[in-house]
């Protein structure tokens, strides 16, 4: 199931990539409502049921290995 969700997520965000430099989403993490993943050096969030991905980080540097806190229930 996780692989299916990851593949669906990849299909939904592939249009974000510059076609001359393909970049793949990496290291997805899931909670009850959202998927957060690393893409092009930033963290992105998308609802599990699909939709537009929202960039969570834009600062210089490389963000990776997203994780949801087990102590919060709010969405990213």
C-alpha atoms as a PDB file:
ATOM      1  CA  UNK A   1       0.000   0.000   0.000  1.00  0.00           C
ATOM      2  CA  UNK A   2       2.782   2.447   0.903  1.00  0.00           C
ATOM      3  CA  UNK A   3       4.458   1.760  -2.432  1.00  0.00           C
ATOM      4  CA  UNK A   4       1.193   2.442  -4.286  1.00  0.00           C
ATOM      5  CA  UNK A   5       0.742   5.750  -2.450  1.00  0.00           C
ATOM      6  CA  UNK A   6       4.343   6.688  -3.188  1.00  0.00           C
ATOM      7  CA  UNK A   7       3.941   5.919  -6.885  1.00  0.00           C
ATOM      8  CA  UNK A   8       0.712   7.932  -7.051  1.00  0.00           C
ATOM      9  CA  UNK A   9       2.441  10.807  -5.290  1.00  0.00           C
ATOM     10  CA  UNK A  10       5.337  10.667  -7.730  1.00  0.00           C
ATOM     11  CA  UNK A  11       2.940  10.856 -10.666  1.00  0.00           C
ATOM     12  CA  UNK A  12       1.244  13.909  -9.156  1.00  0.00           C
ATOM     13  CA  UNK A  13       4.461  15.897  -8.586  1.00  0.00           C
ATOM     14  CA  UNK A  14       6.481  14.889 -11.628  1.00  0.00           C
ATOM     15  CA  UNK A  15       5.107  17.958 -13.394  1.00  0.00           C
ATOM     16  CA  UNK A  16       7.003  20.126 -10.859  1.00  0.00           C
ATOM     17  CA  UNK A  17      10.343  19.000 -12.285  1.00  0.00           C
ATOM     18  CA  UNK A  18      12.189  20.882 -14.963  1.00  0.00           C
ATOM     19  CA  UNK A  19      12.128  18.428 -17.863  1.00  0.00           C
ATOM     20  CA  UNK A  20      15.816  19.068 -18.618  1.00  0.00           C
ATOM     21  CA  UNK A  21      16.881  17.994 -15.111  1.00  0.00           C
ATOM     22  CA  UNK A  22      14.691  15.184 -13.787  1.00  0.00           C
ATOM     23  CA  UNK A  23      14.565  15.011  -9.994  1.00  0.00           C
ATOM     24  CA  UNK A  24      12.807  12.292  -8.044  1.00  0.00           C
ATOM     25  CA  UNK A  25      10.943  12.593  -4.801  1.00  0.00           C
ATOM     26  CA  UNK A  26      12.713  10.791  -1.998  1.00  0.00           C
ATOM     27  CA  UNK A  27      12.138   9.475   1.510  1.00  0.00           C
ATOM     28  CA  UNK A  28       8.370   9.903   1.838  1.00  0.00           C
ATOM     29  CA  UNK A  29       6.832   9.761   5.306  1.00  0.00           C
ATOM     30  CA  UNK A  30       3.140   9.318   6.049  1.00  0.00           C
ATOM     31  CA  UNK A  31       0.671  10.246   8.728  1.00  0.00           C
ATOM     32  CA  UNK A  32      -3.104   9.833   8.773  1.00  0.00           C
ATOM     33  CA  UNK A  33      -3.766  12.768   6.446  1.00  0.00           C
ATOM     34  CA  UNK A  34      -0.557  13.800   4.639  1.00  0.00           C
ATOM     35  CA  UNK A  35       2.586  12.646   2.877  1.00  0.00           C
ATOM     36  CA  UNK A  36       5.781  14.685   3.261  1.00  0.00           C
ATOM     37  CA  UNK A  37       8.715  14.014   0.976  1.00  0.00           C
ATOM     38  CA  UNK A  38      12.050  15.421  -0.137  1.00  0.00           C
ATOM     39  CA  UNK A  39      12.117  16.847  -3.653  1.00  0.00           C
ATOM     40  CA  UNK A  40      14.779  19.072  -5.224  1.00  0.00           C
ATOM     41  CA  UNK A  41      16.414  19.757  -1.852  1.00  0.00           C
ATOM     42  CA  UNK A  42      13.196  20.948  -0.168  1.00  0.00           C
ATOM     43  CA  UNK A  43      10.388  19.317   1.811  1.00  0.00           C
ATOM     44  CA  UNK A  44       6.914  19.091   0.283  1.00  0.00           C
ATOM     45  CA  UNK A  45       3.527  18.046   1.654  1.00  0.00           C
ATOM     46  CA  UNK A  46       0.518  16.603  -0.149  1.00  0.00           C
ATOM     47  CA  UNK A  47      -2.789  15.236   1.169  1.00  0.00           C
ATOM     48  CA  UNK A  48      -2.958  11.433   1.136  1.00  0.00           C
ATOM     49  CA  UNK A  49      -6.068  11.550  -1.048  1.00  0.00           C
ATOM     50  CA  UNK A  50      -4.138  13.522  -3.678  1.00  0.00           C
ATOM     51  CA  UNK A  51      -4.012  17.156  -4.732  1.00  0.00           C
ATOM     52  CA  UNK A  52      -1.425  19.873  -5.093  1.00  0.00           C
ATOM     53  CA  UNK A  53       1.886  19.542  -3.280  1.00  0.00           C
ATOM     54  CA  UNK A  54       2.865  22.456  -1.035  1.00  0.00           C
ATOM     55  CA  UNK A  55       6.510  23.394  -0.502  1.00  0.00           C
ATOM     56  CA  UNK A  56       7.301  23.474   3.215  1.00  0.00           C
ATOM     57  CA  UNK A  57      10.900  24.732   3.032  1.00  0.00           C
ATOM     58  CA  UNK A  58      12.656  27.252   0.790  1.00  0.00           C
ATOM     59  CA  UNK A  59      15.792  28.231   2.723  1.00  0.00           C
ATOM     60  CA  UNK A  60      19.283  27.656   1.416  1.00  0.00           C
ATOM     61  CA  UNK A  61      20.633  24.272   2.365  1.00  0.00           C
ATOM     62  CA  UNK A  62      19.521  20.716   1.959  1.00  0.00           C
ATOM     63  CA  UNK A  63      16.514  19.374   3.854  1.00  0.00           C
ATOM     64  CA  UNK A  64      16.037  15.628   4.055  1.00  0.00           C
ATOM     65  CA  UNK A  65      14.577  12.724   6.018  1.00  0.00           C
ATOM     66  CA  UNK A  66      11.185  14.206   6.957  1.00  0.00           C
ATOM     67  CA  UNK A  67       9.414  12.719   9.986  1.00  0.00           C
ATOM     68  CA  UNK A  68       6.089  13.397  11.670  1.00  0.00           C
ATOM     69  CA  UNK A  69       6.156  13.944  15.404  1.00  0.00           C
ATOM     70  CA  UNK A  70       4.133  11.320  17.305  1.00  0.00           C
ATOM     71  CA  UNK A  71       3.105  14.074  19.761  1.00  0.00           C
ATOM     72  CA  UNK A  72       1.212  16.332  17.360  1.00  0.00           C
ATOM     73  CA  UNK A  73      -2.002  15.852  15.438  1.00  0.00           C
ATOM     74  CA  UNK A  74      -1.947  19.041  13.381  1.00  0.00           C
ATOM     75  CA  UNK A  75      -1.318  18.953   9.687  1.00  0.00           C
ATOM     76  CA  UNK A  76       1.955  20.213   8.197  1.00  0.00           C
END
